[in-house]
PDB file of N, CA and C in Angstrom:
ATOM      1  N   UNK A   1     -99.030  42.546 -52.914  1.00  0.00           N
ATOM      2  CA  UNK A   1     -99.890  42.981 -53.993  1.00  0.00           C
ATOM      3  C   UNK A   1    -100.795  44.089 -53.471  1.00  0.00           C
ATOM      4  N   UNK A   2    -100.874  45.185 -54.199  1.00  0.00           N
ATOM      5  CA  UNK A   2    -101.756  46.275 -53.803  1.00  0.00           C
ATOM      6  C   UNK A   2    -103.146  46.048 -54.400  1.00  0.00           C
ATOM      7  N   UNK A   3    -104.179  46.236 -53.580  1.00  0.00           N
ATOM      8  CA  UNK A   3    -105.564  46.070 -54.014  1.00  0.00           C
ATOM      9  C   UNK A   3    -106.400  47.227 -53.488  1.00  0.00           C
ATOM     10  N   UNK A   4    -107.571  47.402 -54.092  1.00  0.00           N
ATOM     11  CA  UNK A   4    -108.515  48.414 -53.633  1.00  0.00           C
ATOM     12  C   UNK A   4    -109.699  47.720 -52.978  1.00  0.00           C
ATOM     13  N   UNK A   5    -110.098  48.254 -51.825  1.00  0.00           N
ATOM     14  CA  UNK A   5    -111.304  47.808 -51.146  1.00  0.00           C
ATOM     15  C   UNK A   5    -112.141  49.050 -50.860  1.00  0.00           C
ATOM     16  N   UNK A   6    -113.388  48.851 -50.477  1.00  0.00           N
ATOM     17  CA  UNK A   6    -114.300  49.976 -50.284  1.00  0.00           C
ATOM     18  C   UNK A   6    -114.913  49.915 -48.889  1.00  0.00           C
ATOM     19  N   UNK A   7    -114.863  51.052 -48.194  1.00  0.00           N
ATOM     20  CA  UNK A   7    -115.390  51.160 -46.834  1.00  0.00           C
ATOM     21  C   UNK A   7    -116.745  51.846 -46.867  1.00  0.00           C
ATOM     22  N   UNK A   8    -117.734  51.193 -46.277  1.00  0.00           N
ATOM     23  CA  UNK A   8    -119.097  51.723 -46.208  1.00  0.00           C
ATOM     24  C   UNK A   8    -119.492  51.877 -44.747  1.00  0.00           C
ATOM     25  N   UNK A   9    -120.338  52.862 -44.481  1.00  0.00           N
ATOM     26  CA  UNK A   9    -120.882  53.065 -43.143  1.00  0.00           C
ATOM     27  C   UNK A   9    -122.393  53.169 -43.255  1.00  0.00           C
ATOM     28  N   UNK A  10    -123.082  52.398 -42.422  1.00  0.00           N
ATOM     29  CA  UNK A  10    -124.545  52.433 -42.385  1.00  0.00           C
ATOM     30  C   UNK A  10    -124.997  52.633 -40.951  1.00  0.00           C
ATOM     31  N   UNK A  11    -126.232  53.066 -40.794  1.00  0.00           N
ATOM     32  CA  UNK A  11    -126.826  53.221 -39.476  1.00  0.00           C
ATOM     33  C   UNK A  11    -127.655  51.982 -39.190  1.00  0.00           C
ATOM     34  N   UNK A  12    -127.390  51.331 -38.050  1.00  0.00           N
ATOM     35  CA  UNK A  12    -128.135  50.134 -37.670  1.00  0.00           C
ATOM     36  C   UNK A  12    -129.528  50.527 -37.173  1.00  0.00           C
ATOM     37  N   UNK A  13    -130.453  49.573 -37.041  1.00  0.00           N
ATOM     38  CA  UNK A  13    -131.798  49.899 -36.543  1.00  0.00           C
ATOM     39  C   UNK A  13    -131.798  50.555 -35.161  1.00  0.00           C
ATOM     40  N   UNK A  14    -130.774  50.277 -34.341  1.00  0.00           N
ATOM     41  CA  UNK A  14    -130.725  50.909 -33.017  1.00  0.00           C
ATOM     42  C   UNK A  14    -129.990  52.242 -33.016  1.00  0.00           C
ATOM     43  N   UNK A  15    -129.579  52.731 -34.197  1.00  0.00           N
ATOM     44  CA  UNK A  15    -128.992  54.053 -34.300  1.00  0.00           C
ATOM     45  C   UNK A  15    -127.470  54.101 -34.257  1.00  0.00           C
ATOM     46  N   UNK A  16    -126.822  52.951 -34.161  1.00  0.00           N
ATOM     47  CA  UNK A  16    -125.354  52.918 -34.146  1.00  0.00           C
ATOM     48  C   UNK A  16    -124.809  52.903 -35.567  1.00  0.00           C
ATOM     49  N   UNK A  17    -123.622  53.463 -35.739  1.00  0.00           N
ATOM     50  CA  UNK A  17    -122.964  53.416 -37.042  1.00  0.00           C
ATOM     51  C   UNK A  17    -122.182  52.110 -37.161  1.00  0.00           C
ATOM     52  N   UNK A  18    -122.332  51.450 -38.297  1.00  0.00           N
ATOM     53  CA  UNK A  18    -121.663  50.181 -38.553  1.00  0.00           C
ATOM     54  C   UNK A  18    -120.782  50.353 -39.787  1.00  0.00           C
ATOM     55  N   UNK A  19    -119.503  50.022 -39.652  1.00  0.00           N
ATOM     56  CA  UNK A  19    -118.560  50.110 -40.765  1.00  0.00           C
ATOM     57  C   UNK A  19    -118.292  48.710 -41.282  1.00  0.00           C
ATOM     58  N   UNK A  20    -118.254  48.568 -42.606  1.00  0.00           N
ATOM     59  CA  UNK A  20    -117.920  47.287 -43.215  1.00  0.00           C
ATOM     60  C   UNK A  20    -117.177  47.543 -44.513  1.00  0.00           C
ATOM     61  N   UNK A  21    -116.510  46.515 -45.004  1.00  0.00           N
ATOM     62  CA  UNK A  21    -115.684  46.626 -46.202  1.00  0.00           C
ATOM     63  C   UNK A  21    -116.156  45.647 -47.264  1.00  0.00           C
ATOM     64  N   UNK A  22    -116.034  46.056 -48.522  1.00  0.00           N
ATOM     65  CA  UNK A  22    -116.356  45.203 -49.662  1.00  0.00           C
ATOM     66  C   UNK A  22    -115.207  45.283 -50.661  1.00  0.00           C
ATOM     67  N   UNK A  23    -115.134  44.281 -51.520  1.00  0.00           N
ATOM     68  CA  UNK A  23    -114.063  44.249 -52.514  1.00  0.00           C
ATOM     69  C   UNK A  23    -114.453  44.978 -53.790  1.00  0.00           C
ATOM     70  N   UNK A  24    -115.688  45.455 -53.870  1.00  0.00           N
ATOM     71  CA  UNK A  24    -116.145  46.132 -55.082  1.00  0.00           C
ATOM     72  C   UNK A  24    -117.014  47.330 -54.709  1.00  0.00           C
ATOM     73  N   UNK A  25    -117.111  48.259 -55.622  1.00  0.00           N
ATOM     74  CA  UNK A  25    -117.920  49.461 -55.434  1.00  0.00           C
ATOM     75  C   UNK A  25    -119.380  49.123 -55.700  1.00  0.00           C
ATOM     76  N   UNK A  26    -120.248  49.460 -54.758  1.00  0.00           N
ATOM     77  CA  UNK A  26    -121.682  49.205 -54.897  1.00  0.00           C
ATOM     78  C   UNK A  26    -122.372  50.540 -55.123  1.00  0.00           C
ATOM     79  N   UNK A  27    -123.019  50.668 -56.263  1.00  0.00           N
ATOM     80  CA  UNK A  27    -123.744  51.899 -56.587  1.00  0.00           C
ATOM     81  C   UNK A  27    -125.238  51.686 -56.364  1.00  0.00           C
ATOM     82  N   UNK A  28    -125.951  52.784 -56.088  1.00  0.00           N
ATOM     83  CA  UNK A  28    -127.383  52.708 -55.881  1.00  0.00           C
ATOM     84  C   UNK A  28    -128.052  54.014 -56.229  1.00  0.00           C
ATOM     85  N   UNK A  29    -129.370  53.976 -56.365  1.00  0.00           N
ATOM     86  CA  UNK A  29    -130.128  55.175 -56.724  1.00  0.00           C
ATOM     87  C   UNK A  29    -130.241  56.149 -55.562  1.00  0.00           C
ATOM     88  N   UNK A  30    -129.959  55.697 -54.343  1.00  0.00           N
ATOM     89  CA  UNK A  30    -130.033  56.565 -53.174  1.00  0.00           C
ATOM     90  C   UNK A  30    -128.858  57.519 -53.046  1.00  0.00           C
ATOM     91  N   UNK A  31    -127.848  57.347 -53.864  1.00  0.00           N
ATOM     92  CA  UNK A  31    -126.683  58.220 -53.779  1.00  0.00           C
ATOM     93  C   UNK A  31    -125.799  57.847 -52.608  1.00  0.00           C
ATOM     94  N   UNK A  32    -125.083  58.807 -52.090  1.00  0.00           N
ATOM     95  CA  UNK A  32    -124.197  58.571 -50.963  1.00  0.00           C
ATOM     96  C   UNK A  32    -122.748  58.495 -51.392  1.00  0.00           C
ATOM     97  N   UNK A  33    -121.923  58.064 -50.466  1.00  0.00           N
ATOM     98  CA  UNK A  33    -120.501  57.939 -50.778  1.00  0.00           C
ATOM     99  C   UNK A  33    -119.884  56.841 -49.928  1.00  0.00           C
ATOM    100  N   UNK A  34    -118.681  56.456 -50.284  1.00  0.00           N
ATOM    101  CA  UNK A  34    -117.903  55.489 -49.526  1.00  0.00           C
ATOM    102  C   UNK A  34    -116.441  55.899 -49.661  1.00  0.00           C
ATOM    103  N   UNK A  35    -115.553  55.141 -49.066  1.00  0.00           N
ATOM    104  CA  UNK A  35    -114.122  55.400 -49.171  1.00  0.00           C
ATOM    105  C   UNK A  35    -113.473  54.301 -49.993  1.00  0.00           C
ATOM    106  N   UNK A  36    -112.696  54.705 -50.984  1.00  0.00           N
ATOM    107  CA  UNK A  36    -111.899  53.749 -51.744  1.00  0.00           C
ATOM    108  C   UNK A  36    -110.533  53.687 -51.053  1.00  0.00           C
ATOM    109  N   UNK A  37    -110.178  52.509 -50.573  1.00  0.00           N
ATOM    110  CA  UNK A  37    -108.953  52.338 -49.806  1.00  0.00           C
ATOM    111  C   UNK A  37    -107.989  51.457 -50.591  1.00  0.00           C
ATOM    112  N   UNK A  38    -106.767  51.919 -50.708  1.00  0.00           N
ATOM    113  CA  UNK A  38    -105.728  51.087 -51.313  1.00  0.00           C
ATOM    114  C   UNK A  38    -104.947  50.452 -50.172  1.00  0.00           C
ATOM    115  N   UNK A  39    -104.781  49.136 -50.249  1.00  0.00           N
ATOM    116  CA  UNK A  39    -104.103  48.397 -49.199  1.00  0.00           C
ATOM    117  C   UNK A  39    -103.132  47.393 -49.808  1.00  0.00           C
ATOM    118  N   UNK A  40    -102.351  46.774 -48.973  1.00  0.00           N
ATOM    119  CA  UNK A  40    -101.320  45.826 -49.415  1.00  0.00           C
ATOM    120  C   UNK A  40    -101.606  44.451 -48.826  1.00  0.00           C
ATOM    121  N   UNK A  41    -101.668  43.434 -49.705  1.00  0.00           N
ATOM    122  CA  UNK A  41    -101.800  42.046 -49.272  1.00  0.00           C
ATOM    123  C   UNK A  41    -100.385  41.460 -49.263  1.00  0.00           C
ATOM    124  N   UNK A  42     -99.920  40.937 -48.113  1.00  0.00           N
ATOM    125  CA  UNK A  42     -98.546  40.422 -48.043  1.00  0.00           C
ATOM    126  C   UNK A  42     -98.302  39.263 -49.016  1.00  0.00           C
ATOM    127  N   UNK A  43     -97.109  39.206 -49.545  1.00  0.00           N
ATOM    128  CA  UNK A  43     -96.748  38.172 -50.512  1.00  0.00           C
ATOM    129  C   UNK A  43     -96.783  36.768 -49.920  1.00  0.00           C
ATOM    130  N   UNK A  44     -96.553  36.623 -48.608  1.00  0.00           N
ATOM    131  CA  UNK A  44     -96.541  35.274 -48.029  1.00  0.00           C
ATOM    132  C   UNK A  44     -97.922  34.609 -48.053  1.00  0.00           C
ATOM    133  N   UNK A  45     -98.992  35.406 -48.335  1.00  0.00           N
ATOM    134  CA  UNK A  45    -100.332  34.827 -48.484  1.00  0.00           C
ATOM    135  C   UNK A  45    -100.591  34.378 -49.920  1.00  0.00           C
ATOM    136  N   UNK A  46     -99.624  34.588 -50.795  1.00  0.00           N
ATOM    137  CA  UNK A  46     -99.736  34.187 -52.202  1.00  0.00           C
ATOM    138  C   UNK A  46    -100.998  34.728 -52.868  1.00  0.00           C
ATOM    139  N   UNK A  47    -101.222  36.055 -52.842  1.00  0.00           N
ATOM    140  CA  UNK A  47    -102.420  36.593 -53.500  1.00  0.00           C
ATOM    141  C   UNK A  47    -102.318  36.439 -55.012  1.00  0.00           C
ATOM    142  N   UNK A  48    -103.434  36.050 -55.624  1.00  0.00           N
ATOM    143  CA  UNK A  48    -103.493  35.842 -57.072  1.00  0.00           C
ATOM    144  C   UNK A  48    -104.772  36.485 -57.579  1.00  0.00           C
ATOM    145  N   UNK A  49    -104.699  37.209 -58.704  1.00  0.00           N
ATOM    146  CA  UNK A  49    -105.906  37.778 -59.305  1.00  0.00           C
ATOM    147  C   UNK A  49    -106.660  36.676 -60.021  1.00  0.00           C
ATOM    148  N   UNK A  50    -107.964  36.565 -59.743  1.00  0.00           N
ATOM    149  CA  UNK A  50    -108.795  35.568 -60.386  1.00  0.00           C
ATOM    150  C   UNK A  50    -109.291  36.020 -61.744  1.00  0.00           C
ATOM    151  N   UNK A  51    -110.088  35.181 -62.392  1.00  0.00           N
ATOM    152  CA  UNK A  51    -110.607  35.481 -63.721  1.00  0.00           C
ATOM    153  C   UNK A  51    -111.457  36.747 -63.746  1.00  0.00           C
ATOM    154  N   UNK A  52    -112.230  36.975 -62.701  1.00  0.00           N
ATOM    155  CA  UNK A  52    -113.117  38.141 -62.655  1.00  0.00           C
ATOM    156  C   UNK A  52    -112.485  39.289 -61.883  1.00  0.00           C
ATOM    157  N   UNK A  53    -111.154  39.327 -61.827  1.00  0.00           N
ATOM    158  CA  UNK A  53    -110.393  40.354 -61.128  1.00  0.00           C
ATOM    159  C   UNK A  53    -110.603  40.329 -59.631  1.00  0.00           C
ATOM    160  N   UNK A  54    -111.117  39.217 -59.093  1.00  0.00           N
ATOM    161  CA  UNK A  54    -111.212  39.048 -57.655  1.00  0.00           C
ATOM    162  C   UNK A  54    -109.874  38.555 -57.134  1.00  0.00           C
ATOM    163  N   UNK A  55    -109.591  38.820 -55.885  1.00  0.00           N
ATOM    164  CA  UNK A  55    -108.330  38.377 -55.308  1.00  0.00           C
ATOM    165  C   UNK A  55    -108.562  37.041 -54.621  1.00  0.00           C
ATOM    166  N   UNK A  56    -107.712  36.089 -54.884  1.00  0.00           N
ATOM    167  CA  UNK A  56    -107.789  34.776 -54.257  1.00  0.00           C
ATOM    168  C   UNK A  56    -106.592  34.631 -53.324  1.00  0.00           C
ATOM    169  N   UNK A  57    -106.805  34.116 -52.130  1.00  0.00           N
ATOM    170  CA  UNK A  57    -105.704  33.846 -51.214  1.00  0.00           C
ATOM    171  C   UNK A  57    -105.440  32.352 -51.211  1.00  0.00           C
ATOM    172  N   UNK A  58    -104.186  31.980 -51.211  1.00  0.00           N
ATOM    173  CA  UNK A  58    -103.800  30.596 -51.054  1.00  0.00           C
ATOM    174  C   UNK A  58    -103.196  30.475 -49.672  1.00  0.00           C
ATOM    175  N   UNK A  59    -103.571  29.453 -48.930  1.00  0.00           N
ATOM    176  CA  UNK A  59    -103.088  29.278 -47.572  1.00  0.00           C
ATOM    177  C   UNK A  59    -101.563  29.360 -47.534  1.00  0.00           C
ATOM    178  N   UNK A  60    -100.994  30.131 -46.607  1.00  0.00           N
ATOM    179  CA  UNK A  60     -99.540  30.273 -46.564  1.00  0.00           C
ATOM    180  C   UNK A  60     -98.821  28.962 -46.287  1.00  0.00           C
ATOM    181  N   UNK A  61     -99.482  28.011 -45.607  1.00  0.00           N
ATOM    182  CA  UNK A  61     -98.851  26.722 -45.337  1.00  0.00           C
ATOM    183  C   UNK A  61     -98.805  25.873 -46.602  1.00  0.00           C
ATOM    184  N   UNK A  62     -99.824  26.023 -47.463  1.00  0.00           N
ATOM    185  CA  UNK A  62     -99.846  25.318 -48.731  1.00  0.00           C
ATOM    186  C   UNK A  62    -100.179  23.844 -48.648  1.00  0.00           C
ATOM    187  N   UNK A  63    -100.340  23.288 -47.453  1.00  0.00           N
ATOM    188  CA  UNK A  63    -100.572  21.851 -47.361  1.00  0.00           C
ATOM    189  C   UNK A  63    -102.037  21.470 -47.214  1.00  0.00           C
ATOM    190  N   UNK A  64    -102.879  22.406 -46.746  1.00  0.00           N
ATOM    191  CA  UNK A  64    -104.287  22.044 -46.590  1.00  0.00           C
ATOM    192  C   UNK A  64    -105.115  22.362 -47.829  1.00  0.00           C
ATOM    193  N   UNK A  65    -104.570  23.104 -48.789  1.00  0.00           N
ATOM    194  CA  UNK A  65    -105.234  23.321 -50.064  1.00  0.00           C
ATOM    195  C   UNK A  65    -106.377  24.319 -50.055  1.00  0.00           C
ATOM    196  N   UNK A  66    -106.620  25.023 -48.946  1.00  0.00           N
ATOM    197  CA  UNK A  66    -107.707  25.991 -48.914  1.00  0.00           C
ATOM    198  C   UNK A  66    -107.363  27.223 -49.724  1.00  0.00           C
ATOM    199  N   UNK A  67    -108.337  27.731 -50.465  1.00  0.00           N
ATOM    200  CA  UNK A  67    -108.211  29.028 -51.117  1.00  0.00           C
ATOM    201  C   UNK A  67    -109.390  29.876 -50.664  1.00  0.00           C
ATOM    202  N   UNK A  68    -109.157  31.158 -50.556  1.00  0.00           N
ATOM    203  CA  UNK A  68    -110.178  32.071 -50.073  1.00  0.00           C
ATOM    204  C   UNK A  68    -110.296  33.249 -51.022  1.00  0.00           C
ATOM    205  N   UNK A  69    -111.518  33.681 -51.266  1.00  0.00           N
ATOM    206  CA  UNK A  69    -111.766  34.928 -51.990  1.00  0.00           C
ATOM    207  C   UNK A  69    -111.678  36.046 -50.957  1.00  0.00           C
ATOM    208  N   UNK A  70    -111.089  37.155 -51.329  1.00  0.00           N
ATOM    209  CA  UNK A  70    -110.929  38.268 -50.399  1.00  0.00           C
ATOM    210  C   UNK A  70    -112.266  38.688 -49.790  1.00  0.00           C
ATOM    211  N   UNK A  71    -113.333  38.660 -50.576  1.00  0.00           N
ATOM    212  CA  UNK A  71    -114.640  39.077 -50.059  1.00  0.00           C
ATOM    213  C   UNK A  71    -115.148  38.154 -48.948  1.00  0.00           C
ATOM    214  N   UNK A  72    -114.679  36.909 -48.899  1.00  0.00           N
ATOM    215  CA  UNK A  72    -115.099  35.959 -47.866  1.00  0.00           C
ATOM    216  C   UNK A  72    -114.404  36.191 -46.531  1.00  0.00           C
ATOM    217  N   UNK A  73    -113.205  36.734 -46.556  1.00  0.00           N
ATOM    218  CA  UNK A  73    -112.419  36.834 -45.323  1.00  0.00           C
ATOM    219  C   UNK A  73    -112.146  38.278 -44.892  1.00  0.00           C
ATOM    220  N   UNK A  74    -112.668  39.252 -45.632  1.00  0.00           N
ATOM    221  CA  UNK A  74    -112.469  40.665 -45.308  1.00  0.00           C
ATOM    222  C   UNK A  74    -113.425  41.068 -44.187  1.00  0.00           C
ATOM    223  N   UNK A  75    -112.885  41.642 -43.129  1.00  0.00           N
ATOM    224  CA  UNK A  75    -113.664  42.029 -41.957  1.00  0.00           C
ATOM    225  C   UNK A  75    -113.307  43.457 -41.533  1.00  0.00           C
ATOM    226  N   UNK A  76    -114.045  43.945 -40.538  1.00  0.00           N
ATOM    227  CA  UNK A  76    -113.791  45.256 -39.954  1.00  0.00           C
ATOM    228  C   UNK A  76    -113.710  45.101 -38.441  1.00  0.00           C
ATOM    229  N   UNK A  77    -112.669  45.678 -37.868  1.00  0.00           N
ATOM    230  CA  UNK A  77    -112.533  45.678 -36.409  1.00  0.00           C
ATOM    231  C   UNK A  77    -111.930  47.013 -36.017  1.00  0.00           C
ATOM    232  N   UNK A  78    -112.560  47.690 -35.083  1.00  0.00           N
ATOM    233  CA  UNK A  78    -112.116  49.027 -34.654  1.00  0.00           C
ATOM    234  C   UNK A  78    -112.010  49.972 -35.848  1.00  0.00           C
ATOM    235  N   UNK A  79    -112.948  49.864 -36.775  1.00  0.00           N
ATOM    236  CA  UNK A  79    -112.998  50.688 -37.988  1.00  0.00           C
ATOM    237  C   UNK A  79    -111.752  50.541 -38.855  1.00  0.00           C
ATOM    238  N   UNK A  80    -111.095  49.398 -38.799  1.00  0.00           N
ATOM    239  CA  UNK A  80    -109.922  49.119 -39.622  1.00  0.00           C
ATOM    240  C   UNK A  80    -110.141  47.810 -40.375  1.00  0.00           C
ATOM    241  N   UNK A  81    -109.643  47.727 -41.614  1.00  0.00           N
ATOM    242  CA  UNK A  81    -109.813  46.486 -42.372  1.00  0.00           C
ATOM    243  C   UNK A  81    -108.828  45.409 -41.913  1.00  0.00           C
ATOM    244  N   UNK A  82    -109.322  44.184 -41.821  1.00  0.00           N
ATOM    245  CA  UNK A  82    -108.447  43.058 -41.547  1.00  0.00           C
ATOM    246  C   UNK A  82    -109.012  41.824 -42.222  1.00  0.00           C
ATOM    247  N   UNK A  83    -108.181  40.812 -42.357  1.00  0.00           N
ATOM    248  CA  UNK A  83    -108.633  39.550 -42.927  1.00  0.00           C
ATOM    249  C   UNK A  83    -108.516  38.469 -41.864  1.00  0.00           C
ATOM    250  N   UNK A  84    -109.428  37.503 -41.942  1.00  0.00           N
ATOM    251  CA  UNK A  84    -109.514  36.436 -40.956  1.00  0.00           C
ATOM    252  C   UNK A  84    -109.770  35.126 -41.688  1.00  0.00           C
ATOM    253  N   UNK A  85    -108.959  34.121 -41.422  1.00  0.00           N
ATOM    254  CA  UNK A  85    -109.151  32.824 -42.046  1.00  0.00           C
ATOM    255  C   UNK A  85    -108.708  31.740 -41.076  1.00  0.00           C
ATOM    256  N   UNK A  86    -109.127  30.512 -41.347  1.00  0.00           N
ATOM    257  CA  UNK A  86    -108.778  29.368 -40.505  1.00  0.00           C
ATOM    258  C   UNK A  86    -108.098  28.289 -41.330  1.00  0.00           C
ATOM    259  N   UNK A  87    -107.201  27.568 -40.680  1.00  0.00           N
ATOM    260  CA  UNK A  87    -106.596  26.393 -41.289  1.00  0.00           C
ATOM    261  C   UNK A  87    -107.579  25.233 -41.180  1.00  0.00           C
ATOM    262  N   UNK A  88    -107.242  24.128 -41.802  1.00  0.00           N
ATOM    263  CA  UNK A  88    -108.080  22.922 -41.774  1.00  0.00           C
ATOM    264  C   UNK A  88    -108.323  22.448 -40.345  1.00  0.00           C
ATOM    265  N   UNK A  89    -107.311  22.568 -39.480  1.00  0.00           N
ATOM    266  CA  UNK A  89    -107.438  22.119 -38.094  1.00  0.00           C
ATOM    267  C   UNK A  89    -108.173  23.131 -37.209  1.00  0.00           C
ATOM    268  N   UNK A  90    -108.620  24.247 -37.774  1.00  0.00           N
ATOM    269  CA  UNK A  90    -109.378  25.242 -37.025  1.00  0.00           C
ATOM    270  C   UNK A  90    -108.543  26.367 -36.436  1.00  0.00           C
ATOM    271  N   UNK A  91    -107.243  26.345 -36.641  1.00  0.00           N
ATOM    272  CA  UNK A  91    -106.378  27.407 -36.111  1.00  0.00           C
ATOM    273  C   UNK A  91    -106.667  28.712 -36.841  1.00  0.00           C
ATOM    274  N   UNK A  92    -107.093  29.747 -36.094  1.00  0.00           N
ATOM    275  CA  UNK A  92    -107.427  31.023 -36.748  1.00  0.00           C
ATOM    276  C   UNK A  92    -106.206  31.890 -37.014  1.00  0.00           C
ATOM    277  N   UNK A  93    -106.314  32.716 -38.048  1.00  0.00           N
ATOM    278  CA  UNK A  93    -105.287  33.704 -38.386  1.00  0.00           C
ATOM    279  C   UNK A  93    -105.980  35.041 -38.601  1.00  0.00           C
ATOM    280  N   UNK A  94    -105.352  36.119 -38.113  1.00  0.00           N
ATOM    281  CA  UNK A  94    -105.867  37.471 -38.262  1.00  0.00           C
ATOM    282  C   UNK A  94    -104.745  38.355 -38.771  1.00  0.00           C
ATOM    283  N   UNK A  95    -105.089  39.284 -39.649  1.00  0.00           N
ATOM    284  CA  UNK A  95    -104.076  40.196 -40.175  1.00  0.00           C
ATOM    285  C   UNK A  95    -104.723  41.534 -40.518  1.00  0.00           C
ATOM    286  N   UNK A  96    -104.308  42.597 -39.817  1.00  0.00           N
ATOM    287  CA  UNK A  96    -104.776  43.939 -40.164  1.00  0.00           C
ATOM    288  C   UNK A  96    -104.121  44.367 -41.466  1.00  0.00           C
ATOM    289  N   UNK A  97    -104.888  45.031 -42.331  1.00  0.00           N
ATOM    290  CA  UNK A  97    -104.379  45.508 -43.609  1.00  0.00           C
ATOM    291  C   UNK A  97    -103.998  46.981 -43.486  1.00  0.00           C
ATOM    292  N   UNK A  98    -102.826  47.366 -43.975  1.00  0.00           N
ATOM    293  CA  UNK A  98    -102.432  48.778 -43.896  1.00  0.00           C
ATOM    294  C   UNK A  98    -103.247  49.613 -44.881  1.00  0.00           C
ATOM    295  N   UNK A  99    -103.538  50.846 -44.499  1.00  0.00           N
ATOM    296  CA  UNK A  99    -104.236  51.775 -45.386  1.00  0.00           C
ATOM    297  C   UNK A  99    -103.190  52.662 -46.041  1.00  0.00           C
ATOM    298  N   UNK A 100    -102.970  52.454 -47.348  1.00  0.00           N
ATOM    299  CA  UNK A 100    -101.962  53.212 -48.083  1.00  0.00           C
ATOM    300  C   UNK A 100    -102.529  54.525 -48.614  1.00  0.00           C
ATOM    301  N   UNK A 101    -103.797  54.509 -49.031  1.00  0.00           N
ATOM    302  CA  UNK A 101    -104.470  55.741 -49.465  1.00  0.00           C
ATOM    303  C   UNK A 101    -105.961  55.584 -49.229  1.00  0.00           C
ATOM    304  N   UNK A 102    -106.629  56.730 -49.101  1.00  0.00           N
ATOM    305  CA  UNK A 102    -108.072  56.741 -48.828  1.00  0.00           C
ATOM    306  C   UNK A 102    -108.684  57.902 -49.595  1.00  0.00           C
ATOM    307  N   UNK A 103    -109.581  57.574 -50.535  1.00  0.00           N
ATOM    308  CA  UNK A 103    -110.200  58.577 -51.401  1.00  0.00           C
ATOM    309  C   UNK A 103    -111.715  58.423 -51.322  1.00  0.00           C
ATOM    310  N   UNK A 104    -112.415  59.545 -51.185  1.00  0.00           N
ATOM    311  CA  UNK A 104    -113.877  59.495 -51.162  1.00  0.00           C
ATOM    312  C   UNK A 104    -114.402  59.177 -52.565  1.00  0.00           C
ATOM    313  N   UNK A 105    -115.387  58.292 -52.628  1.00  0.00           N
ATOM    314  CA  UNK A 105    -115.947  57.820 -53.906  1.00  0.00           C
ATOM    315  C   UNK A 105    -117.472  57.935 -53.851  1.00  0.00           C
ATOM    316  N   UNK A 106    -118.083  58.459 -54.899  1.00  0.00           N
ATOM    317  CA  UNK A 106    -119.538  58.559 -54.974  1.00  0.00           C
ATOM    318  C   UNK A 106    -120.130  57.187 -55.278  1.00  0.00           C
ATOM    319  N   UNK A 107    -121.253  56.871 -54.627  1.00  0.00           N
ATOM    320  CA  UNK A 107    -121.942  55.614 -54.892  1.00  0.00           C
ATOM    321  C   UNK A 107    -123.224  55.850 -55.681  1.00  0.00           C
ATOM    322  N   UNK A 108    -123.413  57.052 -56.193  1.00  0.00           N
ATOM    323  CA  UNK A 108    -124.628  57.379 -56.920  1.00  0.00           C
ATOM    324  C   UNK A 108    -124.658  56.639 -58.270  1.00  0.00           C
ATOM    325  N   UNK A 109    -125.805  56.095 -58.587  1.00  0.00           N
ATOM    326  CA  UNK A 109    -126.012  55.416 -59.876  1.00  0.00           C
ATOM    327  C   UNK A 109    -126.456  56.484 -60.874  1.00  0.00           C
ATOM    328  N   UNK A 110    -125.801  56.551 -61.991  1.00  0.00           N
ATOM    329  CA  UNK A 110    -126.130  57.544 -63.007  1.00  0.00           C
ATOM    330  C   UNK A 110    -127.035  56.908 -64.057  1.00  0.00           C
ATOM    331  N   UNK A 111    -128.150  57.566 -64.329  1.00  0.00           N
ATOM    332  CA  UNK A 111    -129.083  57.057 -65.345  1.00  0.00           C
ATOM    333  C   UNK A 111    -128.953  57.841 -66.624  1.00  0.00           C
TER     334      UNK A 111
END
């Protein structure tokens, strides 16, 4: 399933740049921009669109019954998007998401 996520970069208090990803576009009066990224969620994770157009993941094993919202498991590592989740027994899973397209998007709030 193809989905859109948004890449933001902020400056930390110590002056370093920090990249993070969100599942929705956040607008503000300060203006600025972010990157709209189109990526692919593998079918074996059983991605399903929720009522509010959020993406829900169903555990690939299907036996522990865990479901995850994409916003809960979306992370950034080496400036690349990936998802991270755990099984009931604590076994971690990591998966880098491919970047299919990247478009600059304004975050300015229009009044």
